[in-house]
PDB file of N, CA and C in Angstrom:
ATOM      1  N   MET A   1    -227.741 -32.821   0.949  1.00  0.00           N
ATOM      2  CA  MET A   1    -227.420 -33.710   2.053  1.00  0.00           C
ATOM      3  C   MET A   1    -228.581 -33.757   3.052  1.00  0.00           C
ATOM      4  N   GLU A   2    -229.119 -32.588   3.358  1.00  0.00           N
ATOM      5  CA  GLU A   2    -230.235 -32.507   4.307  1.00  0.00           C
ATOM      6  C   GLU A   2    -231.485 -33.180   3.731  1.00  0.00           C
ATOM      7  N   GLU A   3    -231.683 -33.023   2.432  1.00  0.00           N
ATOM      8  CA  GLU A   3    -232.842 -33.635   1.787  1.00  0.00           C
ATOM      9  C   GLU A   3    -232.741 -35.164   1.828  1.00  0.00           C
ATOM     10  N   MET A   4    -231.549 -35.696   1.627  1.00  0.00           N
ATOM     11  CA  MET A   4    -231.359 -37.143   1.664  1.00  0.00           C
ATOM     12  C   MET A   4    -231.581 -37.685   3.076  1.00  0.00           C
ATOM     13  N   ARG A   5    -231.167 -36.928   4.078  1.00  0.00           N
ATOM     14  CA  ARG A   5    -231.357 -37.353   5.462  1.00  0.00           C
ATOM     15  C   ARG A   5    -232.842 -37.390   5.820  1.00  0.00           C
ATOM     16  N   SER A   6    -233.595 -36.395   5.385  1.00  0.00           N
ATOM     17  CA  SER A   6    -235.028 -36.378   5.697  1.00  0.00           C
ATOM     18  C   SER A   6    -235.765 -37.492   4.954  1.00  0.00           C
ATOM     19  N   LYS A   7    -235.334 -37.815   3.732  1.00  0.00           N
ATOM     20  CA  LYS A   7    -235.953 -38.928   3.005  1.00  0.00           C
ATOM     21  C   LYS A   7    -235.663 -40.256   3.699  1.00  0.00           C
ATOM     22  N   ALA A   8    -234.452 -40.408   4.208  1.00  0.00           N
ATOM     23  CA  ALA A   8    -234.097 -41.638   4.917  1.00  0.00           C
ATOM     24  C   ALA A   8    -234.906 -41.780   6.199  1.00  0.00           C
ATOM     25  N   MET A   9    -235.100 -40.685   6.920  1.00  0.00           N
ATOM     26  CA  MET A   9    -235.900 -40.739   8.153  1.00  0.00           C
ATOM     27  C   MET A   9    -237.354 -41.058   7.830  1.00  0.00           C
ATOM     28  N   ALA A  10    -237.894 -40.471   6.755  1.00  0.00           N
ATOM     29  CA  ALA A  10    -239.274 -40.738   6.365  1.00  0.00           C
ATOM     30  C   ALA A  10    -239.436 -42.201   5.945  1.00  0.00           C
ATOM     31  N   SER A  11    -238.456 -42.732   5.230  1.00  0.00           N
ATOM     32  CA  SER A  11    -238.514 -44.138   4.819  1.00  0.00           C
ATOM     33  C   SER A  11    -238.457 -45.064   6.027  1.00  0.00           C
ATOM     34  N   GLY A  12    -237.610 -44.741   6.986  1.00  0.00           N
ATOM     35  CA  GLY A  12    -237.527 -45.544   8.201  1.00  0.00           C
ATOM     36  C   GLY A  12    -238.824 -45.530   8.976  1.00  0.00           C
ATOM     37  N   LEU A  13    -239.455 -44.371   9.066  1.00  0.00           N
ATOM     38  CA  LEU A  13    -240.736 -44.264   9.760  1.00  0.00           C
ATOM     39  C   LEU A  13    -241.810 -45.077   9.045  1.00  0.00           C
ATOM     40  N   LEU A  14    -241.822 -45.027   7.725  1.00  0.00           N
ATOM     41  CA  LEU A  14    -242.795 -45.793   6.950  1.00  0.00           C
ATOM     42  C   LEU A  14    -242.614 -47.295   7.166  1.00  0.00           C
ATOM     43  N   ILE A  15    -241.381 -47.762   7.167  1.00  0.00           N
ATOM     44  CA  ILE A  15    -241.115 -49.184   7.404  1.00  0.00           C
ATOM     45  C   ILE A  15    -241.560 -49.587   8.804  1.00  0.00           C
ATOM     46  N   LEU A  16    -241.292 -48.743   9.787  1.00  0.00           N
ATOM     47  CA  LEU A  16    -241.713 -49.034  11.156  1.00  0.00           C
ATOM     48  C   LEU A  16    -243.230 -49.142  11.259  1.00  0.00           C
ATOM     49  N   LEU A  17    -243.954 -48.232  10.623  1.00  0.00           N
ATOM     50  CA  LEU A  17    -245.419 -48.284  10.648  1.00  0.00           C
ATOM     51  C   LEU A  17    -245.945 -49.538   9.951  1.00  0.00           C
ATOM     52  N   LEU A  18    -245.331 -49.924   8.844  1.00  0.00           N
ATOM     53  CA  LEU A  18    -245.765 -51.136   8.148  1.00  0.00           C
ATOM     54  C   LEU A  18    -245.522 -52.376   8.992  1.00  0.00           C
ATOM     55  N   LEU A  19    -244.393 -52.447   9.667  1.00  0.00           N
ATOM     56  CA  LEU A  19    -244.108 -53.599  10.514  1.00  0.00           C
ATOM     57  C   LEU A  19    -245.077 -53.682  11.682  1.00  0.00           C
ATOM     58  N   MET A  20    -245.476 -52.553  12.223  1.00  0.00           N
ATOM     59  CA  MET A  20    -246.419 -52.559  13.342  1.00  0.00           C
ATOM     60  C   MET A  20    -247.801 -52.997  12.882  1.00  0.00           C
ATOM     61  N   ASN A  21    -248.174 -52.703  11.630  1.00  0.00           N
ATOM     62  CA  ASN A  21    -249.489 -53.088  11.124  1.00  0.00           C
ATOM     63  C   ASN A  21    -249.606 -54.575  10.854  1.00  0.00           C
ATOM     64  N   ILE A  22    -248.498 -55.282  10.680  1.00  0.00           N
ATOM     65  CA  ILE A  22    -248.580 -56.723  10.444  1.00  0.00           C
ATOM     66  C   ILE A  22    -248.311 -57.486  11.731  1.00  0.00           C
ATOM     67  N   ASP A  23    -248.561 -56.856  12.846  1.00  0.00           N
ATOM     68  CA  ASP A  23    -248.437 -57.461  14.174  1.00  0.00           C
ATOM     69  C   ASP A  23    -247.024 -57.935  14.478  1.00  0.00           C
ATOM     70  N   PHE A  24    -246.035 -57.220  13.974  1.00  0.00           N
ATOM     71  CA  PHE A  24    -244.643 -57.513  14.291  1.00  0.00           C
ATOM     72  C   PHE A  24    -244.272 -56.617  15.454  1.00  0.00           C
ATOM     73  N   ALA A  25    -244.211 -57.182  16.641  1.00  0.00           N
ATOM     74  CA  ALA A  25    -243.941 -56.391  17.841  1.00  0.00           C
ATOM     75  C   ALA A  25    -242.446 -56.283  18.065  1.00  0.00           C
ATOM     76  N   LEU A  26    -241.960 -55.063  18.113  1.00  0.00           N
ATOM     77  CA  LEU A  26    -240.546 -54.863  18.384  1.00  0.00           C
ATOM     78  C   LEU A  26    -240.236 -55.140  19.845  1.00  0.00           C
ATOM     79  N   VAL A  27    -241.158 -54.779  20.729  1.00  0.00           N
ATOM     80  CA  VAL A  27    -241.017 -55.054  22.155  1.00  0.00           C
ATOM     81  C   VAL A  27    -242.270 -55.801  22.580  1.00  0.00           C
ATOM     82  N   PRO A  28    -242.196 -57.113  22.806  1.00  0.00           N
ATOM     83  CA  PRO A  28    -243.398 -57.873  23.157  1.00  0.00           C
ATOM     84  C   PRO A  28    -243.940 -57.477  24.523  1.00  0.00           C
ATOM     85  N   VAL A  29    -245.255 -57.453  24.617  1.00  0.00           N
ATOM     86  CA  VAL A  29    -245.927 -57.131  25.868  1.00  0.00           C
ATOM     87  C   VAL A  29    -246.480 -58.433  26.429  1.00  0.00           C
ATOM     88  N   TYR A  30    -246.003 -58.825  27.593  1.00  0.00           N
ATOM     89  CA  TYR A  30    -246.436 -60.080  28.201  1.00  0.00           C
ATOM     90  C   TYR A  30    -247.509 -59.811  29.242  1.00  0.00           C
ATOM     91  N   GLY A  31    -248.416 -60.760  29.377  1.00  0.00           N
ATOM     92  CA  GLY A  31    -249.424 -60.678  30.413  1.00  0.00           C
ATOM     93  C   GLY A  31    -250.650 -59.874  30.033  1.00  0.00           C
ATOM     94  N   SER A  32    -250.788 -59.485  28.789  1.00  0.00           N
ATOM     95  CA  SER A  32    -251.966 -58.729  28.400  1.00  0.00           C
ATOM     96  C   SER A  32    -253.121 -59.687  28.131  1.00  0.00           C
ATOM     97  N   GLU A  33    -254.309 -59.144  28.073  1.00  0.00           N
ATOM     98  CA  GLU A  33    -255.504 -59.954  27.846  1.00  0.00           C
ATOM     99  C   GLU A  33    -255.476 -60.599  26.467  1.00  0.00           C
ATOM    100  N   ASP A  34    -254.861 -59.942  25.487  1.00  0.00           N
ATOM    101  CA  ASP A  34    -254.821 -60.477  24.134  1.00  0.00           C
ATOM    102  C   ASP A  34    -253.984 -61.744  24.022  1.00  0.00           C
ATOM    103  N   ASP A  35    -253.112 -62.024  24.988  1.00  0.00           N
ATOM    104  CA  ASP A  35    -252.327 -63.254  24.960  1.00  0.00           C
ATOM    105  C   ASP A  35    -253.208 -64.480  25.150  1.00  0.00           C
ATOM    106  N   CYS A  36    -254.369 -64.309  25.729  1.00  0.00           N
ATOM    107  CA  CYS A  36    -255.271 -65.428  25.979  1.00  0.00           C
ATOM    108  C   CYS A  36    -256.077 -65.804  24.735  1.00  0.00           C
ATOM    109  N   TRP A  37    -256.183 -64.925  23.780  1.00  0.00           N
ATOM    110  CA  TRP A  37    -257.007 -65.156  22.603  1.00  0.00           C
ATOM    111  C   TRP A  37    -256.142 -65.538  21.408  1.00  0.00           C
ATOM    112  N   VAL A  38    -256.552 -66.593  20.710  1.00  0.00           N
ATOM    113  CA  VAL A  38    -255.843 -67.089  19.533  1.00  0.00           C
ATOM    114  C   VAL A  38    -256.684 -66.775  18.302  1.00  0.00           C
ATOM    115  N   ASP A  39    -256.071 -66.160  17.303  1.00  0.00           N
ATOM    116  CA  ASP A  39    -256.779 -65.823  16.069  1.00  0.00           C
ATOM    117  C   ASP A  39    -256.994 -67.072  15.225  1.00  0.00           C
ATOM    118  N   ASP A  40    -258.207 -67.228  14.687  1.00  0.00           N
ATOM    119  CA  ASP A  40    -258.521 -68.348  13.801  1.00  0.00           C
ATOM    120  C   ASP A  40    -259.002 -67.778  12.475  1.00  0.00           C
ATOM    121  N   HIS A  41    -258.079 -67.603  11.548  1.00  0.00           N
ATOM    122  CA  HIS A  41    -258.427 -67.087  10.226  1.00  0.00           C
ATOM    123  C   HIS A  41    -258.685 -68.217   9.231  1.00  0.00           C
ATOM    124  N   VAL A  42    -258.478 -69.466   9.651  1.00  0.00           N
ATOM    125  CA  VAL A  42    -258.548 -70.598   8.725  1.00  0.00           C
ATOM    126  C   VAL A  42    -259.947 -71.210   8.690  1.00  0.00           C
ATOM    127  N   ASP A  43    -260.459 -71.635   9.829  1.00  0.00           N
ATOM    128  CA  ASP A  43    -261.726 -72.363   9.868  1.00  0.00           C
ATOM    129  C   ASP A  43    -262.941 -71.465   9.678  1.00  0.00           C
ATOM    130  N   TYR A  44    -262.849 -70.224  10.107  1.00  0.00           N
ATOM    131  CA  TYR A  44    -263.968 -69.289   9.987  1.00  0.00           C
ATOM    132  C   TYR A  44    -263.362 -67.945   9.600  1.00  0.00           C
ATOM    133  N   ALA A  45    -263.115 -67.777   8.302  1.00  0.00           N
ATOM    134  CA  ALA A  45    -262.331 -66.644   7.798  1.00  0.00           C
ATOM    135  C   ALA A  45    -262.977 -65.297   8.124  1.00  0.00           C
ATOM    136  N   VAL A  46    -264.267 -65.156   7.865  1.00  0.00           N
ATOM    137  CA  VAL A  46    -264.976 -63.912   8.174  1.00  0.00           C
ATOM    138  C   VAL A  46    -266.057 -64.248   9.192  1.00  0.00           C
ATOM    139  N   CYS A  47    -265.943 -63.684  10.368  1.00  0.00           N
ATOM    140  CA  CYS A  47    -266.811 -64.042  11.490  1.00  0.00           C
ATOM    141  C   CYS A  47    -268.067 -63.166  11.498  1.00  0.00           C
ATOM    142  N   PHE A  48    -269.211 -63.767  11.200  1.00  0.00           N
ATOM    143  CA  PHE A  48    -270.468 -63.036  11.238  1.00  0.00           C
ATOM    144  C   PHE A  48    -271.339 -63.446  12.422  1.00  0.00           C
ATOM    145  N   LYS A  49    -271.169 -64.671  12.909  1.00  0.00           N
ATOM    146  CA  LYS A  49    -271.988 -65.161  14.016  1.00  0.00           C
ATOM    147  C   LYS A  49    -271.090 -65.676  15.131  1.00  0.00           C
ATOM    148  N   THR A  50    -271.236 -65.089  16.311  1.00  0.00           N
ATOM    149  CA  THR A  50    -270.421 -65.487  17.453  1.00  0.00           C
ATOM    150  C   THR A  50    -270.690 -66.937  17.843  1.00  0.00           C
ATOM    151  N   GLU A  51    -271.933 -67.400  17.682  1.00  0.00           N
ATOM    152  CA  GLU A  51    -272.265 -68.777  18.043  1.00  0.00           C
ATOM    153  C   GLU A  51    -271.468 -69.771  17.205  1.00  0.00           C
ATOM    154  N   ARG A  52    -271.340 -69.499  15.909  1.00  0.00           N
ATOM    155  CA  ARG A  52    -270.575 -70.409  15.040  1.00  0.00           C
ATOM    156  C   ARG A  52    -269.094 -70.373  15.400  1.00  0.00           C
ATOM    157  N   CYS A  53    -268.564 -69.189  15.669  1.00  0.00           N
ATOM    158  CA  CYS A  53    -267.166 -69.058  16.083  1.00  0.00           C
ATOM    159  C   CYS A  53    -266.931 -69.829  17.376  1.00  0.00           C
ATOM    160  N   ARG A  54    -267.852 -69.683  18.315  1.00  0.00           N
ATOM    161  CA  ARG A  54    -267.726 -70.375  19.603  1.00  0.00           C
ATOM    162  C   ARG A  54    -267.734 -71.892  19.415  1.00  0.00           C
ATOM    163  N   SER A  55    -268.608 -72.396  18.548  1.00  0.00           N
ATOM    164  CA  SER A  55    -268.666 -73.849  18.338  1.00  0.00           C
ATOM    165  C   SER A  55    -267.408 -74.365  17.640  1.00  0.00           C
ATOM    166  N   ILE A  56    -266.842 -73.598  16.724  1.00  0.00           N
ATOM    167  CA  ILE A  56    -265.587 -73.998  16.076  1.00  0.00           C
ATOM    168  C   ILE A  56    -264.466 -74.034  17.101  1.00  0.00           C
ATOM    169  N   CYS A  57    -264.409 -73.034  17.966  1.00  0.00           N
ATOM    170  CA  CYS A  57    -263.367 -72.989  18.999  1.00  0.00           C
ATOM    171  C   CYS A  57    -263.510 -74.149  19.981  1.00  0.00           C
ATOM    172  N   LEU A  58    -264.735 -74.464  20.367  1.00  0.00           N
ATOM    173  CA  LEU A  58    -264.951 -75.597  21.272  1.00  0.00           C
ATOM    174  C   LEU A  58    -264.529 -76.903  20.612  1.00  0.00           C
ATOM    175  N   GLY A  59    -264.721 -77.007  19.298  1.00  0.00           N
ATOM    176  CA  GLY A  59    -264.286 -78.187  18.568  1.00  0.00           C
ATOM    177  C   GLY A  59    -262.774 -78.343  18.515  1.00  0.00           C
ATOM    178  N   HIS A  60    -262.070 -77.239  18.688  1.00  0.00           N
ATOM    179  CA  HIS A  60    -260.597 -77.265  18.705  1.00  0.00           C
ATOM    180  C   HIS A  60    -260.051 -77.254  20.130  1.00  0.00           C
ATOM    181  N   SER A  61    -260.878 -77.596  21.098  1.00  0.00           N
ATOM    182  CA  SER A  61    -260.501 -77.706  22.519  1.00  0.00           C
ATOM    183  C   SER A  61    -260.159 -76.369  23.169  1.00  0.00           C
ATOM    184  N   TYR A  62    -260.747 -75.294  22.689  1.00  0.00           N
ATOM    185  CA  TYR A  62    -260.628 -74.009  23.375  1.00  0.00           C
ATOM    186  C   TYR A  62    -261.848 -73.823  24.265  1.00  0.00           C
ATOM    187  N   VAL A  63    -261.815 -72.847  25.141  1.00  0.00           N
ATOM    188  CA  VAL A  63    -262.884 -72.648  26.112  1.00  0.00           C
ATOM    189  C   VAL A  63    -264.038 -71.839  25.536  1.00  0.00           C
ATOM    190  N   ASP A  64    -263.727 -70.828  24.727  1.00  0.00           N
ATOM    191  CA  ASP A  64    -264.750 -69.918  24.225  1.00  0.00           C
ATOM    192  C   ASP A  64    -264.290 -69.343  22.893  1.00  0.00           C
ATOM    193  N   GLY A  65    -265.186 -68.649  22.222  1.00  0.00           N
ATOM    194  CA  GLY A  65    -264.866 -67.991  20.963  1.00  0.00           C
ATOM    195  C   GLY A  65    -265.666 -66.719  20.814  1.00  0.00           C
ATOM    196  N   ARG A  66    -265.137 -65.783  20.044  1.00  0.00           N
ATOM    197  CA  ARG A  66    -265.840 -64.519  19.807  1.00  0.00           C
ATOM    198  C   ARG A  66    -265.405 -63.942  18.467  1.00  0.00           C
ATOM    199  N   CYS A  67    -266.277 -63.135  17.896  1.00  0.00           N
ATOM    200  CA  CYS A  67    -265.926 -62.391  16.692  1.00  0.00           C
ATOM    201  C   CYS A  67    -265.183 -61.132  17.124  1.00  0.00           C
ATOM    202  N   HIS A  68    -264.096 -60.843  16.451  1.00  0.00           N
ATOM    203  CA  HIS A  68    -263.260 -59.704  16.837  1.00  0.00           C
ATOM    204  C   HIS A  68    -263.159 -58.714  15.683  1.00  0.00           C
ATOM    205  N   TRP A  69    -263.524 -57.471  15.969  1.00  0.00           N
ATOM    206  CA  TRP A  69    -263.369 -56.375  15.018  1.00  0.00           C
ATOM    207  C   TRP A  69    -262.202 -55.539  15.488  1.00  0.00           C
ATOM    208  N   GLY A  70    -261.387 -55.082  14.597  1.00  0.00           N
ATOM    209  CA  GLY A  70    -260.301 -54.210  15.016  1.00  0.00           C
ATOM    210  C   GLY A  70    -259.415 -53.788  13.867  1.00  0.00           C
ATOM    211  N   PHE A  71    -258.823 -52.636  14.033  1.00  0.00           N
ATOM    212  CA  PHE A  71    -257.883 -52.115  13.056  1.00  0.00           C
ATOM    213  C   PHE A  71    -256.622 -52.959  13.090  1.00  0.00           C
ATOM    214  N   PRO A  72    -255.997 -53.309  12.042  1.00  0.00           N
ATOM    215  CA  PRO A  72    -256.154 -52.905  10.649  1.00  0.00           C
ATOM    216  C   PRO A  72    -257.011 -53.863   9.835  1.00  0.00           C
ATOM    217  N   ASN A  73    -257.691 -54.810  10.461  1.00  0.00           N
ATOM    218  CA  ASN A  73    -258.520 -55.780   9.740  1.00  0.00           C
ATOM    219  C   ASN A  73    -259.833 -55.132   9.324  1.00  0.00           C
ATOM    220  N   LEU A  74    -260.173 -55.264   8.062  1.00  0.00           N
ATOM    221  CA  LEU A  74    -261.398 -54.663   7.556  1.00  0.00           C
ATOM    222  C   LEU A  74    -262.623 -55.519   7.851  1.00  0.00           C
ATOM    223  N   LEU A  75    -262.424 -56.818   8.027  1.00  0.00           N
ATOM    224  CA  LEU A  75    -263.523 -57.732   8.311  1.00  0.00           C
ATOM    225  C   LEU A  75    -263.292 -58.411   9.656  1.00  0.00           C
ATOM    226  N   PRO A  76    -264.376 -58.764  10.358  1.00  0.00           N
ATOM    227  CA  PRO A  76    -264.203 -59.445  11.651  1.00  0.00           C
ATOM    228  C   PRO A  76    -263.682 -60.863  11.452  1.00  0.00           C
ATOM    229  N   TYR A  77    -262.965 -61.353  12.445  1.00  0.00           N
ATOM    230  CA  TYR A  77    -262.446 -62.715  12.400  1.00  0.00           C
ATOM    231  C   TYR A  77    -262.677 -63.376  13.747  1.00  0.00           C
ATOM    232  N   CYS A  78    -262.572 -64.697  13.754  1.00  0.00           N
ATOM    233  CA  CYS A  78    -262.856 -65.495  14.944  1.00  0.00           C
ATOM    234  C   CYS A  78    -261.623 -65.566  15.836  1.00  0.00           C
ATOM    235  N   ARG A  79    -261.841 -65.411  17.151  1.00  0.00           N
ATOM    236  CA  ARG A  79    -260.764 -65.558  18.138  1.00  0.00           C
ATOM    237  C   ARG A  79    -261.210 -66.577  19.169  1.00  0.00           C
ATOM    238  N   CYS A  80    -260.282 -67.464  19.542  1.00  0.00           N
ATOM    239  CA  CYS A  80    -260.577 -68.528  20.502  1.00  0.00           C
ATOM    240  C   CYS A  80    -259.828 -68.282  21.806  1.00  0.00           C
ATOM    241  N   LEU A  81    -260.497 -68.569  22.923  1.00  0.00           N
ATOM    242  CA  LEU A  81    -259.924 -68.367  24.252  1.00  0.00           C
ATOM    243  C   LEU A  81    -259.192 -69.621  24.707  1.00  0.00           C
ATOM    244  N   ARG A  82    -257.943 -69.451  25.136  1.00  0.00           N
ATOM    245  CA  ARG A  82    -257.146 -70.580  25.640  1.00  0.00           C
ATOM    246  C   ARG A  82    -257.738 -71.088  26.957  1.00  0.00           C
ATOM    247  N   SER A  83    -257.524 -72.360  27.250  1.00  0.00           N
ATOM    248  CA  SER A  83    -258.124 -72.969  28.442  1.00  0.00           C
ATOM    249  C   SER A  83    -257.504 -72.464  29.741  1.00  0.00           C
ATOM    250  N   ASN A  84    -256.268 -72.005  29.725  1.00  0.00           N
ATOM    251  CA  ASN A  84    -255.631 -71.517  30.955  1.00  0.00           C
ATOM    252  C   ASN A  84    -255.928 -70.046  31.220  1.00  0.00           C
ATOM    253  N   CYS A  85    -256.808 -69.441  30.451  1.00  0.00           N
ATOM    254  CA  CYS A  85    -257.109 -68.007  30.594  1.00  0.00           C
ATOM    255  C   CYS A  85    -258.602 -67.773  30.737  1.00  0.00           C
ATOM    256  N   ARG A  86    -259.266 -68.517  31.547  1.00  0.00           N
ATOM    257  CA  ARG A  86    -260.722 -68.342  31.685  1.00  0.00           C
ATOM    258  C   ARG A  86    -261.051 -66.935  32.155  1.00  0.00           C
ATOM    259  N   SER A  87    -261.957 -66.302  31.408  1.00  0.00           N
ATOM    260  CA  SER A  87    -262.376 -64.945  31.801  1.00  0.00           C
ATOM    261  C   SER A  87    -263.856 -64.756  31.543  1.00  0.00           C
TER     262      SER A  87
END
């Protein structure tokens, strides 16, 4: 009985960690700096040059663009800055 309970707790923890890695927020955080940036994985899948990312973002009516590195993504991707969040 105790072994089954510990396996269930371990499985629940594993599911929680997997959900957090796919950016599924259980409790959304509002007002953070990341709310201003929109991920663009379509037009510039792997971001190697910030200038190209910036020009793609400007073409989509965003204010700015940058290459973003971060866990759990193994490769950098382009992020565009929303117009109401100038920074």
